[in-house]
C-alpha atoms as a PDB file:
ATOM      1  CA  MET A   1     100.251  63.075  11.064  1.00  0.00           C
ATOM      2  CA  LEU A   2     100.581  60.140  13.380  1.00  0.00           C
ATOM      3  CA  ASN A   3     102.967  61.808  15.617  1.00  0.00           C
ATOM      4  CA  TYR A   4     100.958  64.774  15.818  1.00  0.00           C
ATOM      5  CA  LEU A   5      97.808  62.781  17.047  1.00  0.00           C
ATOM      6  CA  LYS A   6      99.948  60.899  19.508  1.00  0.00           C
ATOM      7  CA  ASP A   7     101.290  63.955  20.851  1.00  0.00           C
ATOM      8  CA  GLN A   8      97.928  65.603  21.120  1.00  0.00           C
ATOM      9  CA  ILE A   9      96.648  62.691  22.889  1.00  0.00           C
ATOM     10  CA  GLU A  10      99.659  62.359  25.424  1.00  0.00           C
ATOM     11  CA  ILE A  11      99.232  66.284  26.021  1.00  0.00           C
ATOM     12  CA  PHE A  12      95.480  65.661  26.733  1.00  0.00           C
ATOM     13  CA  LYS A  13      96.256  62.695  29.497  1.00  0.00           C
ATOM     14  CA  PHE A  14      98.632  65.084  31.189  1.00  0.00           C
ATOM     15  CA  TYR A  15      96.502  67.769  31.205  1.00  0.00           C
ATOM     16  CA  TYR A  16      93.919  65.564  32.793  1.00  0.00           C
ATOM     17  CA  GLU A  17      96.343  64.442  35.083  1.00  0.00           C
ATOM     18  CA  ILE A  18      97.254  68.039  36.383  1.00  0.00           C
ATOM     19  CA  ARG A  19      93.329  68.927  36.542  1.00  0.00           C
ATOM     20  CA  LYS A  20      92.907  65.801  38.886  1.00  0.00           C
ATOM     21  CA  ILE A  21      95.986  67.185  41.138  1.00  0.00           C
ATOM     22  CA  ASP A  22      94.495  70.813  41.103  1.00  0.00           C
ATOM     23  CA  ASN A  23      91.174  69.493  42.168  1.00  0.00           C
ATOM     24  CA  ARG A  24      92.621  67.361  44.844  1.00  0.00           C
ATOM     25  CA  PHE A  25      94.658  70.149  46.162  1.00  0.00           C
ATOM     26  CA  GLU A  26      92.010  72.493  46.234  1.00  0.00           C
ATOM     27  CA  LYS A  27      89.824  70.272  48.254  1.00  0.00           C
ATOM     28  CA  GLU A  28      92.644  69.564  50.719  1.00  0.00           C
ATOM     29  CA  TYR A  29      93.309  73.160  50.977  1.00  0.00           C
ATOM     30  CA  ARG A  30      89.860  73.849  51.616  1.00  0.00           C
ATOM     31  CA  GLU A  31      89.640  71.481  54.227  1.00  0.00           C
ATOM     32  CA  ALA A  32      92.896  72.621  55.798  1.00  0.00           C
ATOM     33  CA  GLU A  33      91.461  76.223  56.015  1.00  0.00           C
ATOM     34  CA  LYS A  34      88.336  75.182  57.577  1.00  0.00           C
ATOM     35  CA  GLU A  35      90.401  73.112  60.258  1.00  0.00           C
ATOM     36  CA  GLY A  36      92.369  76.506  61.080  1.00  0.00           C
ATOM     37  CA  LYS A  37      95.686  75.160  60.035  1.00  0.00           C
ATOM     38  CA  GLU A  38      98.581  77.552  60.301  1.00  0.00           C
ATOM     39  CA  PHE A  39      99.967  79.391  57.323  1.00  0.00           C
ATOM     40  CA  GLU A  40     103.195  77.370  57.335  1.00  0.00           C
ATOM     41  CA  GLU A  41     100.989  73.789  56.898  1.00  0.00           C
ATOM     42  CA  LEU A  42      99.047  75.543  53.955  1.00  0.00           C
ATOM     43  CA  GLU A  43     102.323  76.569  52.463  1.00  0.00           C
ATOM     44  CA  ILE A  44     103.644  72.959  52.692  1.00  0.00           C
ATOM     45  CA  LEU A  45     100.382  71.555  51.038  1.00  0.00           C
ATOM     46  CA  GLY A  46     101.181  74.314  48.288  1.00  0.00           C
ATOM     47  CA  SER A  47     104.694  73.025  47.870  1.00  0.00           C
ATOM     48  CA  VAL A  48     103.572  69.214  47.590  1.00  0.00           C
ATOM     49  CA  TRP A  49     100.946  70.499  44.904  1.00  0.00           C
ATOM     50  CA  SER A  50     103.726  72.155  42.898  1.00  0.00           C
ATOM     51  CA  SER A  51     106.080  69.102  43.394  1.00  0.00           C
ATOM     52  CA  GLU A  52     103.474  66.984  41.829  1.00  0.00           C
ATOM     53  CA  SER A  53     102.211  68.941  38.974  1.00  0.00           C
ATOM     54  CA  ARG A  54     105.517  70.576  37.866  1.00  0.00           C
ATOM     55  CA  PRO A  55     106.980  67.258  36.419  1.00  0.00           C
ATOM     56  CA  ILE A  56     103.982  66.859  34.354  1.00  0.00           C
ATOM     57  CA  GLU A  57     104.032  70.587  33.002  1.00  0.00           C
ATOM     58  CA  LEU A  58     107.716  70.058  32.233  1.00  0.00           C
ATOM     59  CA  ARG A  59     106.484  66.886  30.203  1.00  0.00           C
ATOM     60  CA  ILE A  60     104.111  68.973  28.411  1.00  0.00           C
ATOM     61  CA  LYS A  61     106.688  71.554  27.505  1.00  0.00           C
ATOM     62  CA  ASN A  62     108.937  68.962  26.245  1.00  0.00           C
ATOM     63  CA  ILE A  63     106.243  67.365  23.980  1.00  0.00           C
ATOM     64  CA  LEU A  64     105.370  71.051  22.669  1.00  0.00           C
ATOM     65  CA  SER A  65     108.986  71.811  22.247  1.00  0.00           C
ATOM     66  CA  HIS A  66     109.883  68.664  20.221  1.00  0.00           C
ATOM     67  CA  LYS A  67     106.620  69.079  18.199  1.00  0.00           C
ATOM     68  CA  LEU A  68     107.837  72.692  17.244  1.00  0.00           C
ATOM     69  CA  VAL A  69     111.335  71.531  16.547  1.00  0.00           C
ATOM     70  CA  ARG A  70     110.245  68.685  14.298  1.00  0.00           C
ATOM     71  CA  LYS A  71     108.190  71.284  12.329  1.00  0.00           C
ATOM     72  CA  ALA A  72     111.042  73.697  11.974  1.00  0.00           C
ATOM     73  CA  ASN A  73     113.275  71.019  10.753  1.00  0.00           C
ATOM     74  CA  LYS A  74     110.620  70.092   8.131  1.00  0.00           C
ATOM     75  CA  LEU A  75     110.326  73.641   6.892  1.00  0.00           C
ATOM     76  CA  ASN A  76     114.083  74.176   7.098  1.00  0.00           C
ATOM     77  CA  VAL A  77     113.634  76.806   9.653  1.00  0.00           C
ATOM     78  CA  PRO A  78     116.660  77.838  11.549  1.00  0.00           C
ATOM     79  CA  LEU A  79     116.654  76.819  15.440  1.00  0.00           C
ATOM     80  CA  PRO A  80     118.346  78.788  18.074  1.00  0.00           C
ATOM     81  CA  ASP A  81     121.787  77.810  19.015  1.00  0.00           C
ATOM     82  CA  TYR A  82     121.994  75.457  22.050  1.00  0.00           C
ATOM     83  CA  GLU A  83     124.305  77.767  24.035  1.00  0.00           C
ATOM     84  CA  ASP A  84     121.379  80.390  23.853  1.00  0.00           C
ATOM     85  CA  GLU A  85     118.844  81.280  26.653  1.00  0.00           C
ATOM     86  CA  ARG A  86     116.293  80.086  24.469  1.00  0.00           C
ATOM     87  CA  TRP A  87     116.850  76.369  25.331  1.00  0.00           C
ATOM     88  CA  GLU A  88     116.194  75.190  28.754  1.00  0.00           C
ATOM     89  CA  GLY A  89     116.577  72.099  31.016  1.00  0.00           C
ATOM     90  CA  THR A  90     119.438  70.151  32.441  1.00  0.00           C
ATOM     91  CA  HIS A  91     120.695  69.256  28.808  1.00  0.00           C
ATOM     92  CA  LYS A  92     119.220  72.064  26.929  1.00  0.00           C
ATOM     93  CA  GLU A  93     116.700  69.756  25.852  1.00  0.00           C
ATOM     94  CA  ARG A  94     113.679  71.961  25.493  1.00  0.00           C
ATOM     95  CA  LEU A  95     112.784  75.326  24.142  1.00  0.00           C
ATOM     96  CA  SER A  96     112.278  77.962  26.946  1.00  0.00           C
ATOM     97  CA  ASP A  97     108.858  79.977  26.352  1.00  0.00           C
ATOM     98  CA  LYS A  98     110.947  82.828  24.573  1.00  0.00           C
ATOM     99  CA  GLY A  99     112.328  80.286  22.388  1.00  0.00           C
ATOM    100  CA  ARG A 100     109.084  78.390  21.699  1.00  0.00           C
ATOM    101  CA  PHE A 101     107.489  81.982  20.759  1.00  0.00           C
ATOM    102  CA  GLU A 102     110.502  82.883  18.480  1.00  0.00           C
ATOM    103  CA  VAL A 103     110.633  79.658  16.634  1.00  0.00           C
ATOM    104  CA  ASN A 104     106.752  79.529  16.038  1.00  0.00           C
ATOM    105  CA  LYS A 105     106.927  82.978  14.810  1.00  0.00           C
ATOM    106  CA  ALA A 106     109.494  81.915  12.229  1.00  0.00           C
ATOM    107  CA  VAL A 107     107.656  78.811  11.544  1.00  0.00           C
ATOM    108  CA  ARG A 108     104.404  80.686  10.761  1.00  0.00           C
ATOM    109  CA  GLN A 109     106.472  83.066   8.469  1.00  0.00           C
ATOM    110  CA  GLU A 110     107.697  80.458   6.469  1.00  0.00           C
ATOM    111  CA  ILE A 111     104.371  78.767   6.143  1.00  0.00           C
ATOM    112  CA  LYS A 112     103.153  82.258   4.987  1.00  0.00           C
ATOM    113  CA  ASP A 113     106.005  82.808   2.601  1.00  0.00           C
ATOM    114  CA  ARG A 114     105.240  79.496   0.874  1.00  0.00           C
ATOM    115  CA  ARG A 115     101.742  80.091   0.560  1.00  0.00           C
ATOM    116  CA  GLU A 116     102.036  83.494  -0.775  1.00  0.00           C
ATOM    117  CA  MET A 117     104.758  82.134  -3.553  1.00  0.00           C
ATOM    118  CA  TRP A 118     101.780  80.121  -5.036  1.00  0.00           C
ATOM    119  CA  ILE A 119      99.057  82.996  -5.114  1.00  0.00           C
ATOM    120  CA  PRO A 120     100.178  84.540  -8.348  1.00  0.00           C
ATOM    121  CA  ALA A 121     100.188  81.304 -10.137  1.00  0.00           C
ATOM    122  CA  ILE A 122      96.725  80.229  -8.796  1.00  0.00           C
ATOM    123  CA  THR A 123      95.407  83.668  -9.741  1.00  0.00           C
ATOM    124  CA  VAL A 124      96.939  83.131 -13.524  1.00  0.00           C
ATOM    125  CA  ILE A 125      95.577  79.613 -13.520  1.00  0.00           C
ATOM    126  CA  THR A 126      92.033  80.875 -12.376  1.00  0.00           C
ATOM    127  CA  GLY A 127      92.030  83.654 -14.959  1.00  0.00           C
ATOM    128  CA  LEU A 128      93.122  81.336 -17.791  1.00  0.00           C
ATOM    129  CA  ILE A 129      90.325  78.780 -16.939  1.00  0.00           C
ATOM    130  CA  GLY A 130      87.796  81.657 -16.773  1.00  0.00           C
ATOM    131  CA  ALA A 131      89.022  82.694 -20.264  1.00  0.00           C
ATOM    132  CA  LEU A 132      88.949  79.210 -21.705  1.00  0.00           C
ATOM    133  CA  ILE A 133      85.233  78.637 -20.455  1.00  0.00           C
ATOM    134  CA  GLY A 134      84.285  82.050 -21.757  1.00  0.00           C
ATOM    135  CA  LEU A 135      85.911  81.188 -25.243  1.00  0.00           C
ATOM    136  CA  ILE A 136      83.961  77.796 -25.388  1.00  0.00           C
ATOM    137  CA  ALA A 137      80.816  79.492 -24.655  1.00  0.00           C
ATOM    138  CA  VAL A 138      81.260  81.903 -27.520  1.00  0.00           C
ATOM    139  CA  LEU A 139      82.477  79.273 -29.789  1.00  0.00           C
ATOM    140  CA  LYS A 140      79.461  77.087 -28.966  1.00  0.00           C
ATOM    141  CA  ASP A 141      77.115  79.647 -30.129  1.00  0.00           C
END
Protein backbone atom coordinates (compact mmCIF):
# COMPACT_ATOMS: atom_id res chain seq x y z
CA MET A 1 0.00 0.00 0.00
CA LEU A 2 2.81 2.37 0.88
CA ASN A 3 4.60 1.64 -2.41
CA TYR A 4 1.37 2.32 -4.28
CA LEU A 5 0.93 5.74 -2.67
CA LYS A 6 4.58 6.61 -3.14
CA ASP A 7 4.38 5.66 -6.84
CA GLN A 8 1.15 7.61 -7.35
CA ILE A 9 2.63 10.74 -5.78
CA GLU A 10 5.75 10.42 -7.93
CA ILE A 11 3.66 9.94 -11.08
CA PHE A 12 1.56 12.97 -10.16
CA LYS A 13 4.72 15.07 -9.76
CA PHE A 14 6.02 13.94 -13.14
CA TYR A 15 2.71 14.74 -14.85
CA TYR A 16 2.83 18.17 -13.22
CA GLU A 17 6.35 18.71 -14.61
CA ILE A 18 5.18 17.68 -18.09
CA ARG A 19 2.24 20.06 -17.83
CA LYS A 20 4.61 22.91 -16.94
CA ILE A 21 6.88 22.06 -19.89
CA ASP A 22 3.86 21.86 -22.23
CA ASN A 23 2.51 25.22 -21.06
CA ARG A 24 5.90 26.88 -21.43
CA PHE A 25 6.38 25.36 -24.88
CA GLU A 26 2.93 26.44 -26.07
CA LYS A 27 3.61 30.00 -24.94
CA GLU A 28 7.04 30.08 -26.62
CA TYR A 29 5.62 28.51 -29.79
CA ARG A 30 2.77 31.06 -30.03
CA GLU A 31 5.22 33.91 -29.49
CA ALA A 32 7.55 32.51 -32.16
CA GLU A 33 4.64 32.24 -34.62
CA LYS A 34 3.60 35.83 -33.90
CA GLU A 35 7.17 36.97 -34.53
CA GLY A 36 7.04 35.19 -37.89
CA LYS A 37 9.83 32.71 -37.19
CA GLU A 38 10.81 30.29 -39.93
CA PHE A 39 9.46 26.74 -39.98
CA GLU A 40 12.92 25.34 -39.15
CA GLU A 41 13.12 27.48 -36.00
CA LEU A 42 9.66 26.30 -34.91
CA GLU A 43 10.76 22.73 -35.57
CA ILE A 44 13.84 23.24 -33.36
CA LEU A 45 11.58 24.57 -30.63
CA GLY A 46 9.50 21.39 -30.93
CA SER A 47 12.65 19.28 -30.65
CA VAL A 48 13.67 21.11 -27.49
CA TRP A 49 10.20 20.51 -26.03
CA SER A 50 10.42 16.81 -26.90
CA SER A 51 13.92 16.47 -25.43
CA GLU A 52 12.68 17.98 -22.14
CA SER A 53 9.46 16.01 -21.82
CA ARG A 54 10.56 12.61 -23.17
CA PRO A 55 12.81 11.65 -20.20
CA ILE A 56 9.98 12.43 -17.78
CA GLU A 57 7.55 10.35 -19.83
CA LEU A 58 10.03 7.46 -19.73
CA ARG A 59 10.28 7.74 -15.94
CA ILE A 60 6.48 7.53 -15.75
CA LYS A 61 6.54 4.43 -17.97
CA ASN A 62 9.23 2.91 -15.73
CA ILE A 63 7.12 3.45 -12.61
CA LEU A 64 3.97 2.05 -14.25
CA SER A 65 5.91 -0.95 -15.54
CA HIS A 66 7.51 -1.68 -12.16
CA LYS A 67 4.14 -1.38 -10.41
CA LEU A 68 2.62 -3.86 -12.83
CA VAL A 69 5.55 -6.27 -12.53
CA ARG A 70 5.28 -6.18 -8.72
CA LYS A 71 1.54 -6.88 -8.94
CA ALA A 72 2.08 -9.73 -11.43
CA ASN A 73 4.76 -11.26 -9.23
CA LYS A 74 2.50 -10.98 -6.17
CA LEU A 75 -0.28 -12.83 -8.03
CA ASN A 76 2.18 -15.30 -9.58
CA VAL A 77 1.26 -14.19 -13.11
CA PRO A 78 3.99 -15.09 -15.64
CA LEU A 79 5.83 -12.19 -17.27
CA PRO A 80 6.97 -12.13 -20.89
CA ASP A 81 10.47 -13.41 -21.60
CA TYR A 82 13.04 -10.63 -21.41
CA GLU A 83 14.15 -11.34 -24.97
CA ASP A 84 10.61 -10.56 -26.16
CA GLU A 85 9.57 -7.33 -27.90
CA ARG A 86 7.20 -6.70 -24.99
CA TRP A 87 10.18 -5.30 -23.06
CA GLU A 88 11.89 -2.05 -24.01
CA GLY A 89 14.73 0.16 -22.90
CA THR A 90 18.48 -0.14 -23.07
CA HIS A 91 18.58 -3.12 -20.72
CA LYS A 92 14.99 -4.29 -21.24
CA GLU A 93 14.11 -2.66 -17.92
CA ARG A 94 10.46 -1.79 -18.62
CA LEU A 95 7.46 -3.30 -20.32
CA SER A 96 6.50 -1.78 -23.66
CA ASP A 97 2.97 -0.51 -24.16
CA LYS A 98 2.05 -3.87 -25.71
CA GLY A 99 3.72 -5.73 -22.82
CA ARG A 100 1.94 -3.61 -20.19
CA PHE A 101 -1.38 -4.24 -21.93
CA GLU A 102 -0.86 -8.01 -22.02
CA VAL A 103 0.44 -8.33 -18.45
CA ASN A 104 -2.34 -6.06 -17.15
CA LYS A 105 -4.88 -8.24 -18.95
CA ALA A 106 -3.38 -11.37 -17.36
CA VAL A 107 -3.37 -9.74 -13.91
CA ARG A 108 -7.02 -8.73 -14.24
CA GLN A 109 -7.95 -12.24 -15.34
CA GLU A 110 -6.11 -13.74 -12.36
CA ILE A 111 -7.92 -11.39 -9.95
CA LYS A 112 -11.25 -12.27 -11.60
CA ASP A 113 -10.51 -16.00 -11.36
CA ARG A 114 -9.62 -15.69 -7.68
CA ARG A 115 -12.83 -13.80 -6.94
CA GLU A 116 -14.96 -16.27 -8.87
CA MET A 117 -13.50 -19.09 -6.81
CA TRP A 118 -15.16 -17.65 -3.67
CA ILE A 119 -18.59 -16.87 -5.15
CA PRO A 120 -20.07 -20.40 -4.70
CA ALA A 121 -18.83 -20.57 -1.09
CA ILE A 122 -20.26 -17.13 -0.28
CA THR A 123 -23.57 -18.13 -1.88
CA VAL A 124 -23.77 -21.30 0.22
CA ILE A 125 -22.83 -19.45 3.44
CA THR A 126 -25.41 -16.74 2.75
CA GLY A 127 -28.08 -19.40 2.16
CA LEU A 128 -27.17 -21.23 5.36
CA ILE A 129 -27.30 -17.99 7.38
CA GLY A 130 -30.72 -17.22 5.89
CA ALA A 131 -31.98 -20.72 6.70
CA LEU A 132 -30.59 -20.50 10.23
CA ILE A 133 -32.34 -17.15 10.80
CA GLY A 134 -35.58 -18.64 9.48
CA LEU A 135 -35.22 -21.69 11.73
CA ILE A 136 -34.60 -19.48 14.79
CA ALA A 137 -37.63 -17.36 13.94
CA VAL A 138 -39.87 -20.46 13.63
CA LEU A 139 -38.54 -22.03 16.83
CA LYS A 140 -39.12 -18.83 18.82
CA ASP A 141 -42.83 -18.91 18.07
